[in-house]
Amino acid sequence: MSLGWPEIVLVLLVVLLLFGANRIPEIARSLGKATREFKRARDEFADEIKNADSEPEKKVAAESKDEGDKNA
């Protein structure tokens, strides 16, 4: 189900009537900031997961190196 041009125009008119012409740019800026913040948090979360996956490999490599130094 997609919106056609008549539906989009109707929604824009309703928004204009509800909020007024002066508030629409302010609302759009707030929505843009919220979207950017959400994307930044999502990317940070994905980076944390990637780092957590690679961390055990680093531990095993470090432990192997430490054991090699102790045996030498």
PDB file of N, CA and C in Angstrom:
ATOM      1  N   MET A   1       0.847  -1.174   0.000  1.00  0.00           N
ATOM      2  CA  MET A   1       0.000   0.000   0.000  1.00  0.00           C
ATOM      3  C   MET A   1       0.891   1.235   0.000  1.00  0.00           C
ATOM      4  N   SER A   2       0.782   2.059  -1.000  1.00  0.00           N
ATOM      5  CA  SER A   2       1.601   3.256  -1.086  1.00  0.00           C
ATOM      6  C   SER A   2       0.701   4.492  -1.165  1.00  0.00           C
ATOM      7  N   LEU A   3       1.296   5.609  -0.829  1.00  0.00           N
ATOM      8  CA  LEU A   3       0.564   6.868  -0.882  1.00  0.00           C
ATOM      9  C   LEU A   3       0.734   7.502  -2.255  1.00  0.00           C
ATOM     10  N   GLY A   4      -0.355   7.974  -2.818  1.00  0.00           N
ATOM     11  CA  GLY A   4      -0.297   8.708  -4.079  1.00  0.00           C
ATOM     12  C   GLY A   4      -0.185  10.198  -3.802  1.00  0.00           C
ATOM     13  N   TRP A   5      -0.103  10.987  -4.864  1.00  0.00           N
ATOM     14  CA  TRP A   5       0.018  12.430  -4.703  1.00  0.00           C
ATOM     15  C   TRP A   5      -1.164  13.049  -3.972  1.00  0.00           C
ATOM     16  N   PRO A   6      -2.393  12.646  -4.261  1.00  0.00           N
ATOM     17  CA  PRO A   6      -3.515  13.276  -3.535  1.00  0.00           C
ATOM     18  C   PRO A   6      -3.443  13.045  -2.019  1.00  0.00           C
ATOM     19  N   GLU A   7      -3.039  11.845  -1.621  1.00  0.00           N
ATOM     20  CA  GLU A   7      -2.933  11.551  -0.187  1.00  0.00           C
ATOM     21  C   GLU A   7      -1.825  12.356   0.468  1.00  0.00           C
ATOM     22  N   ILE A   8      -0.695  12.499  -0.226  1.00  0.00           N
ATOM     23  CA  ILE A   8       0.432  13.277   0.318  1.00  0.00           C
ATOM     24  C   ILE A   8       0.036  14.735   0.483  1.00  0.00           C
ATOM     25  N   VAL A   9      -0.628  15.290  -0.513  1.00  0.00           N
ATOM     26  CA  VAL A   9      -1.082  16.686  -0.441  1.00  0.00           C
ATOM     27  C   VAL A   9      -2.057  16.858   0.720  1.00  0.00           C
ATOM     28  N   LEU A  10      -2.968  15.915   0.899  1.00  0.00           N
ATOM     29  CA  LEU A  10      -3.927  15.988   1.999  1.00  0.00           C
ATOM     30  C   LEU A  10      -3.214  15.969   3.351  1.00  0.00           C
ATOM     31  N   VAL A  11      -2.237  15.094   3.504  1.00  0.00           N
ATOM     32  CA  VAL A  11      -1.488  15.012   4.759  1.00  0.00           C
ATOM     33  C   VAL A  11      -0.747  16.329   5.006  1.00  0.00           C
ATOM     34  N   LEU A  12      -0.118  16.896   3.974  1.00  0.00           N
ATOM     35  CA  LEU A  12       0.597  18.166   4.133  1.00  0.00           C
ATOM     36  C   LEU A  12      -0.352  19.302   4.522  1.00  0.00           C
ATOM     37  N   LEU A  13      -1.528  19.320   3.947  1.00  0.00           N
ATOM     38  CA  LEU A  13      -2.516  20.347   4.313  1.00  0.00           C
ATOM     39  C   LEU A  13      -2.962  20.203   5.761  1.00  0.00           C
ATOM     40  N   VAL A  14      -3.178  18.976   6.209  1.00  0.00           N
ATOM     41  CA  VAL A  14      -3.582  18.747   7.596  1.00  0.00           C
ATOM     42  C   VAL A  14      -2.473  19.192   8.543  1.00  0.00           C
ATOM     43  N   VAL A  15      -1.222  18.870   8.211  1.00  0.00           N
ATOM     44  CA  VAL A  15      -0.087  19.288   9.040  1.00  0.00           C
ATOM     45  C   VAL A  15      -0.008  20.812   9.081  1.00  0.00           C
ATOM     46  N   LEU A  16      -0.183  21.446   7.945  1.00  0.00           N
ATOM     47  CA  LEU A  16      -0.146  22.908   7.886  1.00  0.00           C
ATOM     48  C   LEU A  16      -1.243  23.515   8.746  1.00  0.00           C
ATOM     49  N   LEU A  17      -2.430  22.946   8.707  1.00  0.00           N
ATOM     50  CA  LEU A  17      -3.537  23.471   9.520  1.00  0.00           C
ATOM     51  C   LEU A  17      -3.304  23.237  11.014  1.00  0.00           C
ATOM     52  N   LEU A  18      -2.746  22.084  11.369  1.00  0.00           N
ATOM     53  CA  LEU A  18      -2.537  21.766  12.779  1.00  0.00           C
ATOM     54  C   LEU A  18      -1.421  22.594  13.416  1.00  0.00           C
ATOM     55  N   PHE A  19      -0.316  22.745  12.709  1.00  0.00           N
ATOM     56  CA  PHE A  19       0.860  23.359  13.315  1.00  0.00           C
ATOM     57  C   PHE A  19       1.116  24.784  12.857  1.00  0.00           C
ATOM     58  N   GLY A  20       0.624  25.173  11.728  1.00  0.00           N
ATOM     59  CA  GLY A  20       0.867  26.514  11.220  1.00  0.00           C
ATOM     60  C   GLY A  20       2.171  26.577  10.455  1.00  0.00           C
ATOM     61  N   ALA A  21       2.288  27.559   9.598  1.00  0.00           N
ATOM     62  CA  ALA A  21       3.449  27.680   8.710  1.00  0.00           C
ATOM     63  C   ALA A  21       4.736  27.995   9.475  1.00  0.00           C
ATOM     64  N   ASN A  22       4.653  28.669  10.590  1.00  0.00           N
ATOM     65  CA  ASN A  22       5.862  29.052  11.331  1.00  0.00           C
ATOM     66  C   ASN A  22       6.493  27.885  12.074  1.00  0.00           C
ATOM     67  N   ARG A  23       5.698  26.921  12.478  1.00  0.00           N
ATOM     68  CA  ARG A  23       6.223  25.812  13.282  1.00  0.00           C
ATOM     69  C   ARG A  23       6.767  24.655  12.443  1.00  0.00           C
ATOM     70  N   ILE A  24       6.392  24.559  11.183  1.00  0.00           N
ATOM     71  CA  ILE A  24       6.802  23.424  10.357  1.00  0.00           C
ATOM     72  C   ILE A  24       8.322  23.327  10.215  1.00  0.00           C
ATOM     73  N   PRO A  25       9.048  24.419   9.912  1.00  0.00           N
ATOM     74  CA  PRO A  25      10.519  24.297   9.832  1.00  0.00           C
ATOM     75  C   PRO A  25      11.147  23.869  11.163  1.00  0.00           C
ATOM     76  N   GLU A  26      10.599  24.349  12.247  1.00  0.00           N
ATOM     77  CA  GLU A  26      11.097  23.982  13.578  1.00  0.00           C
ATOM     78  C   GLU A  26      10.895  22.479  13.832  1.00  0.00           C
ATOM     79  N   ILE A  27       9.750  21.977  13.460  1.00  0.00           N
ATOM     80  CA  ILE A  27       9.458  20.548  13.621  1.00  0.00           C
ATOM     81  C   ILE A  27      10.376  19.719  12.729  1.00  0.00           C
ATOM     82  N   ALA A  28      10.608  20.170  11.509  1.00  0.00           N
ATOM     83  CA  ALA A  28      11.488  19.450  10.580  1.00  0.00           C
ATOM     84  C   ALA A  28      12.920  19.400  11.119  1.00  0.00           C
ATOM     85  N   ARG A  29      13.405  20.490  11.687  1.00  0.00           N
ATOM     86  CA  ARG A  29      14.752  20.502  12.281  1.00  0.00           C
ATOM     87  C   ARG A  29      14.848  19.524  13.440  1.00  0.00           C
ATOM     88  N   SER A  30      13.847  19.527  14.288  1.00  0.00           N
ATOM     89  CA  SER A  30      13.835  18.605  15.422  1.00  0.00           C
ATOM     90  C   SER A  30      13.813  17.152  14.953  1.00  0.00           C
ATOM     91  N   LEU A  31      13.035  16.887  13.934  1.00  0.00           N
ATOM     92  CA  LEU A  31      12.969  15.539  13.387  1.00  0.00           C
ATOM     93  C   LEU A  31      14.310  15.126  12.780  1.00  0.00           C
ATOM     94  N   GLY A  32      14.974  16.047  12.096  1.00  0.00           N
ATOM     95  CA  GLY A  32      16.295  15.770  11.527  1.00  0.00           C
ATOM     96  C   GLY A  32      17.328  15.484  12.605  1.00  0.00           C
ATOM     97  N   LYS A  33      17.309  16.267  13.674  1.00  0.00           N
ATOM     98  CA  LYS A  33      18.248  16.035  14.783  1.00  0.00           C
ATOM     99  C   LYS A  33      17.998  14.681  15.435  1.00  0.00           C
ATOM    100  N   ALA A  34      16.745  14.339  15.624  1.00  0.00           N
ATOM    101  CA  ALA A  34      16.412  13.049  16.239  1.00  0.00           C
ATOM    102  C   ALA A  34      16.862  11.892  15.346  1.00  0.00           C
ATOM    103  N   THR A  35      16.678  12.041  14.055  1.00  0.00           N
ATOM    104  CA  THR A  35      17.101  11.000  13.116  1.00  0.00           C
ATOM    105  C   THR A  35      18.605  10.823  13.135  1.00  0.00           C
ATOM    106  N   ARG A  36      19.350  11.929  13.138  1.00  0.00           N
ATOM    107  CA  ARG A  36      20.824  11.857  13.192  1.00  0.00           C
ATOM    108  C   ARG A  36      21.287  11.199  14.478  1.00  0.00           C
ATOM    109  N   GLU A  37      20.677  11.553  15.593  1.00  0.00           N
ATOM    110  CA  GLU A  37      21.045  10.976  16.885  1.00  0.00           C
ATOM    111  C   GLU A  37      20.762   9.470  16.904  1.00  0.00           C
ATOM    112  N   PHE A  38      19.634   9.076  16.346  1.00  0.00           N
ATOM    113  CA  PHE A  38      19.295   7.659  16.285  1.00  0.00           C
ATOM    114  C   PHE A  38      20.310   6.898  15.436  1.00  0.00           C
ATOM    115  N   LYS A  39      20.682   7.438  14.287  1.00  0.00           N
ATOM    116  CA  LYS A  39      21.663   6.785  13.415  1.00  0.00           C
ATOM    117  C   LYS A  39      23.018   6.685  14.101  1.00  0.00           C
ATOM    118  N   ARG A  40      23.415   7.739  14.813  1.00  0.00           N
ATOM    119  CA  ARG A  40      24.702   7.725  15.517  1.00  0.00           C
ATOM    120  C   ARG A  40      24.708   6.648  16.598  1.00  0.00           C
ATOM    121  N   ALA A  41      23.616   6.557  17.347  1.00  0.00           N
ATOM    122  CA  ALA A  41      23.522   5.537  18.397  1.00  0.00           C
ATOM    123  C   ALA A  41      23.510   4.134  17.789  1.00  0.00           C
ATOM    124  N   ARG A  42      22.830   3.965  16.677  1.00  0.00           N
ATOM    125  CA  ARG A  42      22.791   2.667  15.998  1.00  0.00           C
ATOM    126  C   ARG A  42      24.187   2.256  15.528  1.00  0.00           C
ATOM    127  N   ASP A  43      24.936   3.214  14.955  1.00  0.00           N
ATOM    128  CA  ASP A  43      26.289   2.916  14.487  1.00  0.00           C
ATOM    129  C   ASP A  43      27.225   2.585  15.653  1.00  0.00           C
ATOM    130  N   GLU A  44      27.095   3.313  16.758  1.00  0.00           N
ATOM    131  CA  GLU A  44      27.912   3.022  17.937  1.00  0.00           C
ATOM    132  C   GLU A  44      27.609   1.630  18.479  1.00  0.00           C
ATOM    133  N   PHE A  45      26.340   1.263  18.488  1.00  0.00           N
ATOM    134  CA  PHE A  45      25.937  -0.055  18.965  1.00  0.00           C
ATOM    135  C   PHE A  45      26.512  -1.147  18.062  1.00  0.00           C
ATOM    136  N   ALA A  46      26.460  -0.935  16.755  1.00  0.00           N
ATOM    137  CA  ALA A  46      27.011  -1.913  15.816  1.00  0.00           C
ATOM    138  C   ALA A  46      28.523  -2.037  16.003  1.00  0.00           C
ATOM    139  N   ASP A  47      29.210  -0.920  16.239  1.00  0.00           N
ATOM    140  CA  ASP A  47      30.657  -0.959  16.483  1.00  0.00           C
ATOM    141  C   ASP A  47      30.977  -1.725  17.762  1.00  0.00           C
ATOM    142  N   GLU A  48      30.177  -1.535  18.799  1.00  0.00           N
ATOM    143  CA  GLU A  48      30.390  -2.251  20.053  1.00  0.00           C
ATOM    144  C   GLU A  48      30.244  -3.763  19.849  1.00  0.00           C
ATOM    145  N   ILE A  49      29.259  -4.146  19.068  1.00  0.00           N
ATOM    146  CA  ILE A  49      29.063  -5.571  18.805  1.00  0.00           C
ATOM    147  C   ILE A  49      30.240  -6.137  18.022  1.00  0.00           C
ATOM    148  N   LYS A  50      30.717  -5.403  17.017  1.00  0.00           N
ATOM    149  CA  LYS A  50      31.870  -5.862  16.241  1.00  0.00           C
ATOM    150  C   LYS A  50      33.104  -5.982  17.128  1.00  0.00           C
ATOM    151  N   ASN A  51      33.308  -4.999  18.007  1.00  0.00           N
ATOM    152  CA  ASN A  51      34.463  -5.034  18.908  1.00  0.00           C
ATOM    153  C   ASN A  51      34.352  -6.169  19.906  1.00  0.00           C
ATOM    154  N   ALA A  52      33.166  -6.454  20.372  1.00  0.00           N
ATOM    155  CA  ALA A  52      32.962  -7.547  21.328  1.00  0.00           C
ATOM    156  C   ALA A  52      33.233  -8.892  20.659  1.00  0.00           C
ATOM    157  N   ASP A  53      32.900  -9.016  19.383  1.00  0.00           N
ATOM    158  CA  ASP A  53      33.165 -10.254  18.659  1.00  0.00           C
ATOM    159  C   ASP A  53      34.658 -10.480  18.460  1.00  0.00           C
ATOM    160  N   SER A  54      35.410  -9.432  18.224  1.00  0.00           N
ATOM    161  CA  SER A  54      36.842  -9.587  17.959  1.00  0.00           C
ATOM    162  C   SER A  54      37.666  -9.611  19.243  1.00  0.00           C
ATOM    163  N   GLU A  55      37.091  -9.192  20.349  1.00  0.00           N
ATOM    164  CA  GLU A  55      37.827  -9.126  21.615  1.00  0.00           C
ATOM    165  C   GLU A  55      38.303 -10.495  22.112  1.00  0.00           C
ATOM    166  N   PRO A  56      37.493 -11.555  22.073  1.00  0.00           N
ATOM    167  CA  PRO A  56      37.987 -12.866  22.525  1.00  0.00           C
ATOM    168  C   PRO A  56      39.179 -13.360  21.691  1.00  0.00           C
ATOM    169  N   GLU A  57      39.197 -13.051  20.410  1.00  0.00           N
ATOM    170  CA  GLU A  57      40.321 -13.444  19.571  1.00  0.00           C
ATOM    171  C   GLU A  57      41.594 -12.742  20.026  1.00  0.00           C
ATOM    172  N   LYS A  58      41.472 -11.467  20.372  1.00  0.00           N
ATOM    173  CA  LYS A  58      42.638 -10.722  20.856  1.00  0.00           C
ATOM    174  C   LYS A  58      43.132 -11.296  22.175  1.00  0.00           C
ATOM    175  N   LYS A  59      42.192 -11.692  23.063  1.00  0.00           N
ATOM    176  CA  LYS A  59      42.580 -12.278  24.346  1.00  0.00           C
ATOM    177  C   LYS A  59      43.351 -13.571  24.157  1.00  0.00           C
ATOM    178  N   VAL A  60      42.872 -14.425  23.272  1.00  0.00           N
ATOM    179  CA  VAL A  60      43.523 -15.712  23.018  1.00  0.00           C
ATOM    180  C   VAL A  60      44.914 -15.470  22.452  1.00  0.00           C
ATOM    181  N   ALA A  61      45.040 -14.526  21.544  1.00  0.00           N
ATOM    182  CA  ALA A  61      46.346 -14.228  20.962  1.00  0.00           C
ATOM    183  C   ALA A  61      47.290 -13.675  22.028  1.00  0.00           C
ATOM    184  N   ALA A  62      46.799 -12.817  22.904  1.00  0.00           N
ATOM    185  CA  ALA A  62      47.637 -12.248  23.951  1.00  0.00           C
ATOM    186  C   ALA A  62      48.055 -13.315  24.958  1.00  0.00           C
ATOM    187  N   GLU A  63      47.144 -14.217  25.308  1.00  0.00           N
ATOM    188  CA  GLU A  63      47.474 -15.287  26.247  1.00  0.00           C
ATOM    189  C   GLU A  63      48.501 -16.236  25.649  1.00  0.00           C
ATOM    190  N   SER A  64      48.375 -16.523  24.365  1.00  0.00           N
ATOM    191  CA  SER A  64      49.340 -17.399  23.697  1.00  0.00           C
ATOM    192  C   SER A  64      50.712 -16.749  23.696  1.00  0.00           C
ATOM    193  N   LYS A  65      50.758 -15.457  23.480  1.00  0.00           N
ATOM    194  CA  LYS A  65      52.026 -14.730  23.466  1.00  0.00           C
ATOM    195  C   LYS A  65      52.636 -14.730  24.869  1.00  0.00           C
ATOM    196  N   ASP A  66      51.801 -14.495  25.897  1.00  0.00           N
ATOM    197  CA  ASP A  66      52.294 -14.488  27.270  1.00  0.00           C
ATOM    198  C   ASP A  66      52.852 -15.851  27.651  1.00  0.00           C
ATOM    199  N   GLU A  67      52.186 -16.913  27.263  1.00  0.00           N
ATOM    200  CA  GLU A  67      52.678 -18.254  27.579  1.00  0.00           C
ATOM    201  C   GLU A  67      53.990 -18.534  26.862  1.00  0.00           C
ATOM    202  N   GLY A  68      54.132 -18.042  25.652  1.00  0.00           N
ATOM    203  CA  GLY A  68      55.368 -18.206  24.900  1.00  0.00           C
ATOM    204  C   GLY A  68      56.509 -17.451  25.555  1.00  0.00           C
ATOM    205  N   ASP A  69      56.234 -16.256  26.117  1.00  0.00           N
ATOM    206  CA  ASP A  69      57.261 -15.488  26.800  1.00  0.00           C
ATOM    207  C   ASP A  69      57.682 -16.170  28.106  1.00  0.00           C
ATOM    208  N   LYS A  70      56.750 -16.789  28.808  1.00  0.00           N
ATOM    209  CA  LYS A  70      57.058 -17.452  30.070  1.00  0.00           C
ATOM    210  C   LYS A  70      57.900 -18.692  29.836  1.00  0.00           C
ATOM    211  N   ASN A  71      57.636 -19.408  28.745  1.00  0.00           N
ATOM    212  CA  ASN A  71      58.375 -20.634  28.443  1.00  0.00           C
ATOM    213  C   ASN A  71      59.777 -20.343  27.922  1.00  0.00           C
ATOM    214  N   ALA A  72      60.023 -19.178  27.443  1.00  0.00           N
ATOM    215  CA  ALA A  72      61.331 -18.865  26.839  1.00  0.00           C
ATOM    216  C   ALA A  72      62.366 -18.524  27.868  1.00  0.00           C
TER     217      ALA A  72
END
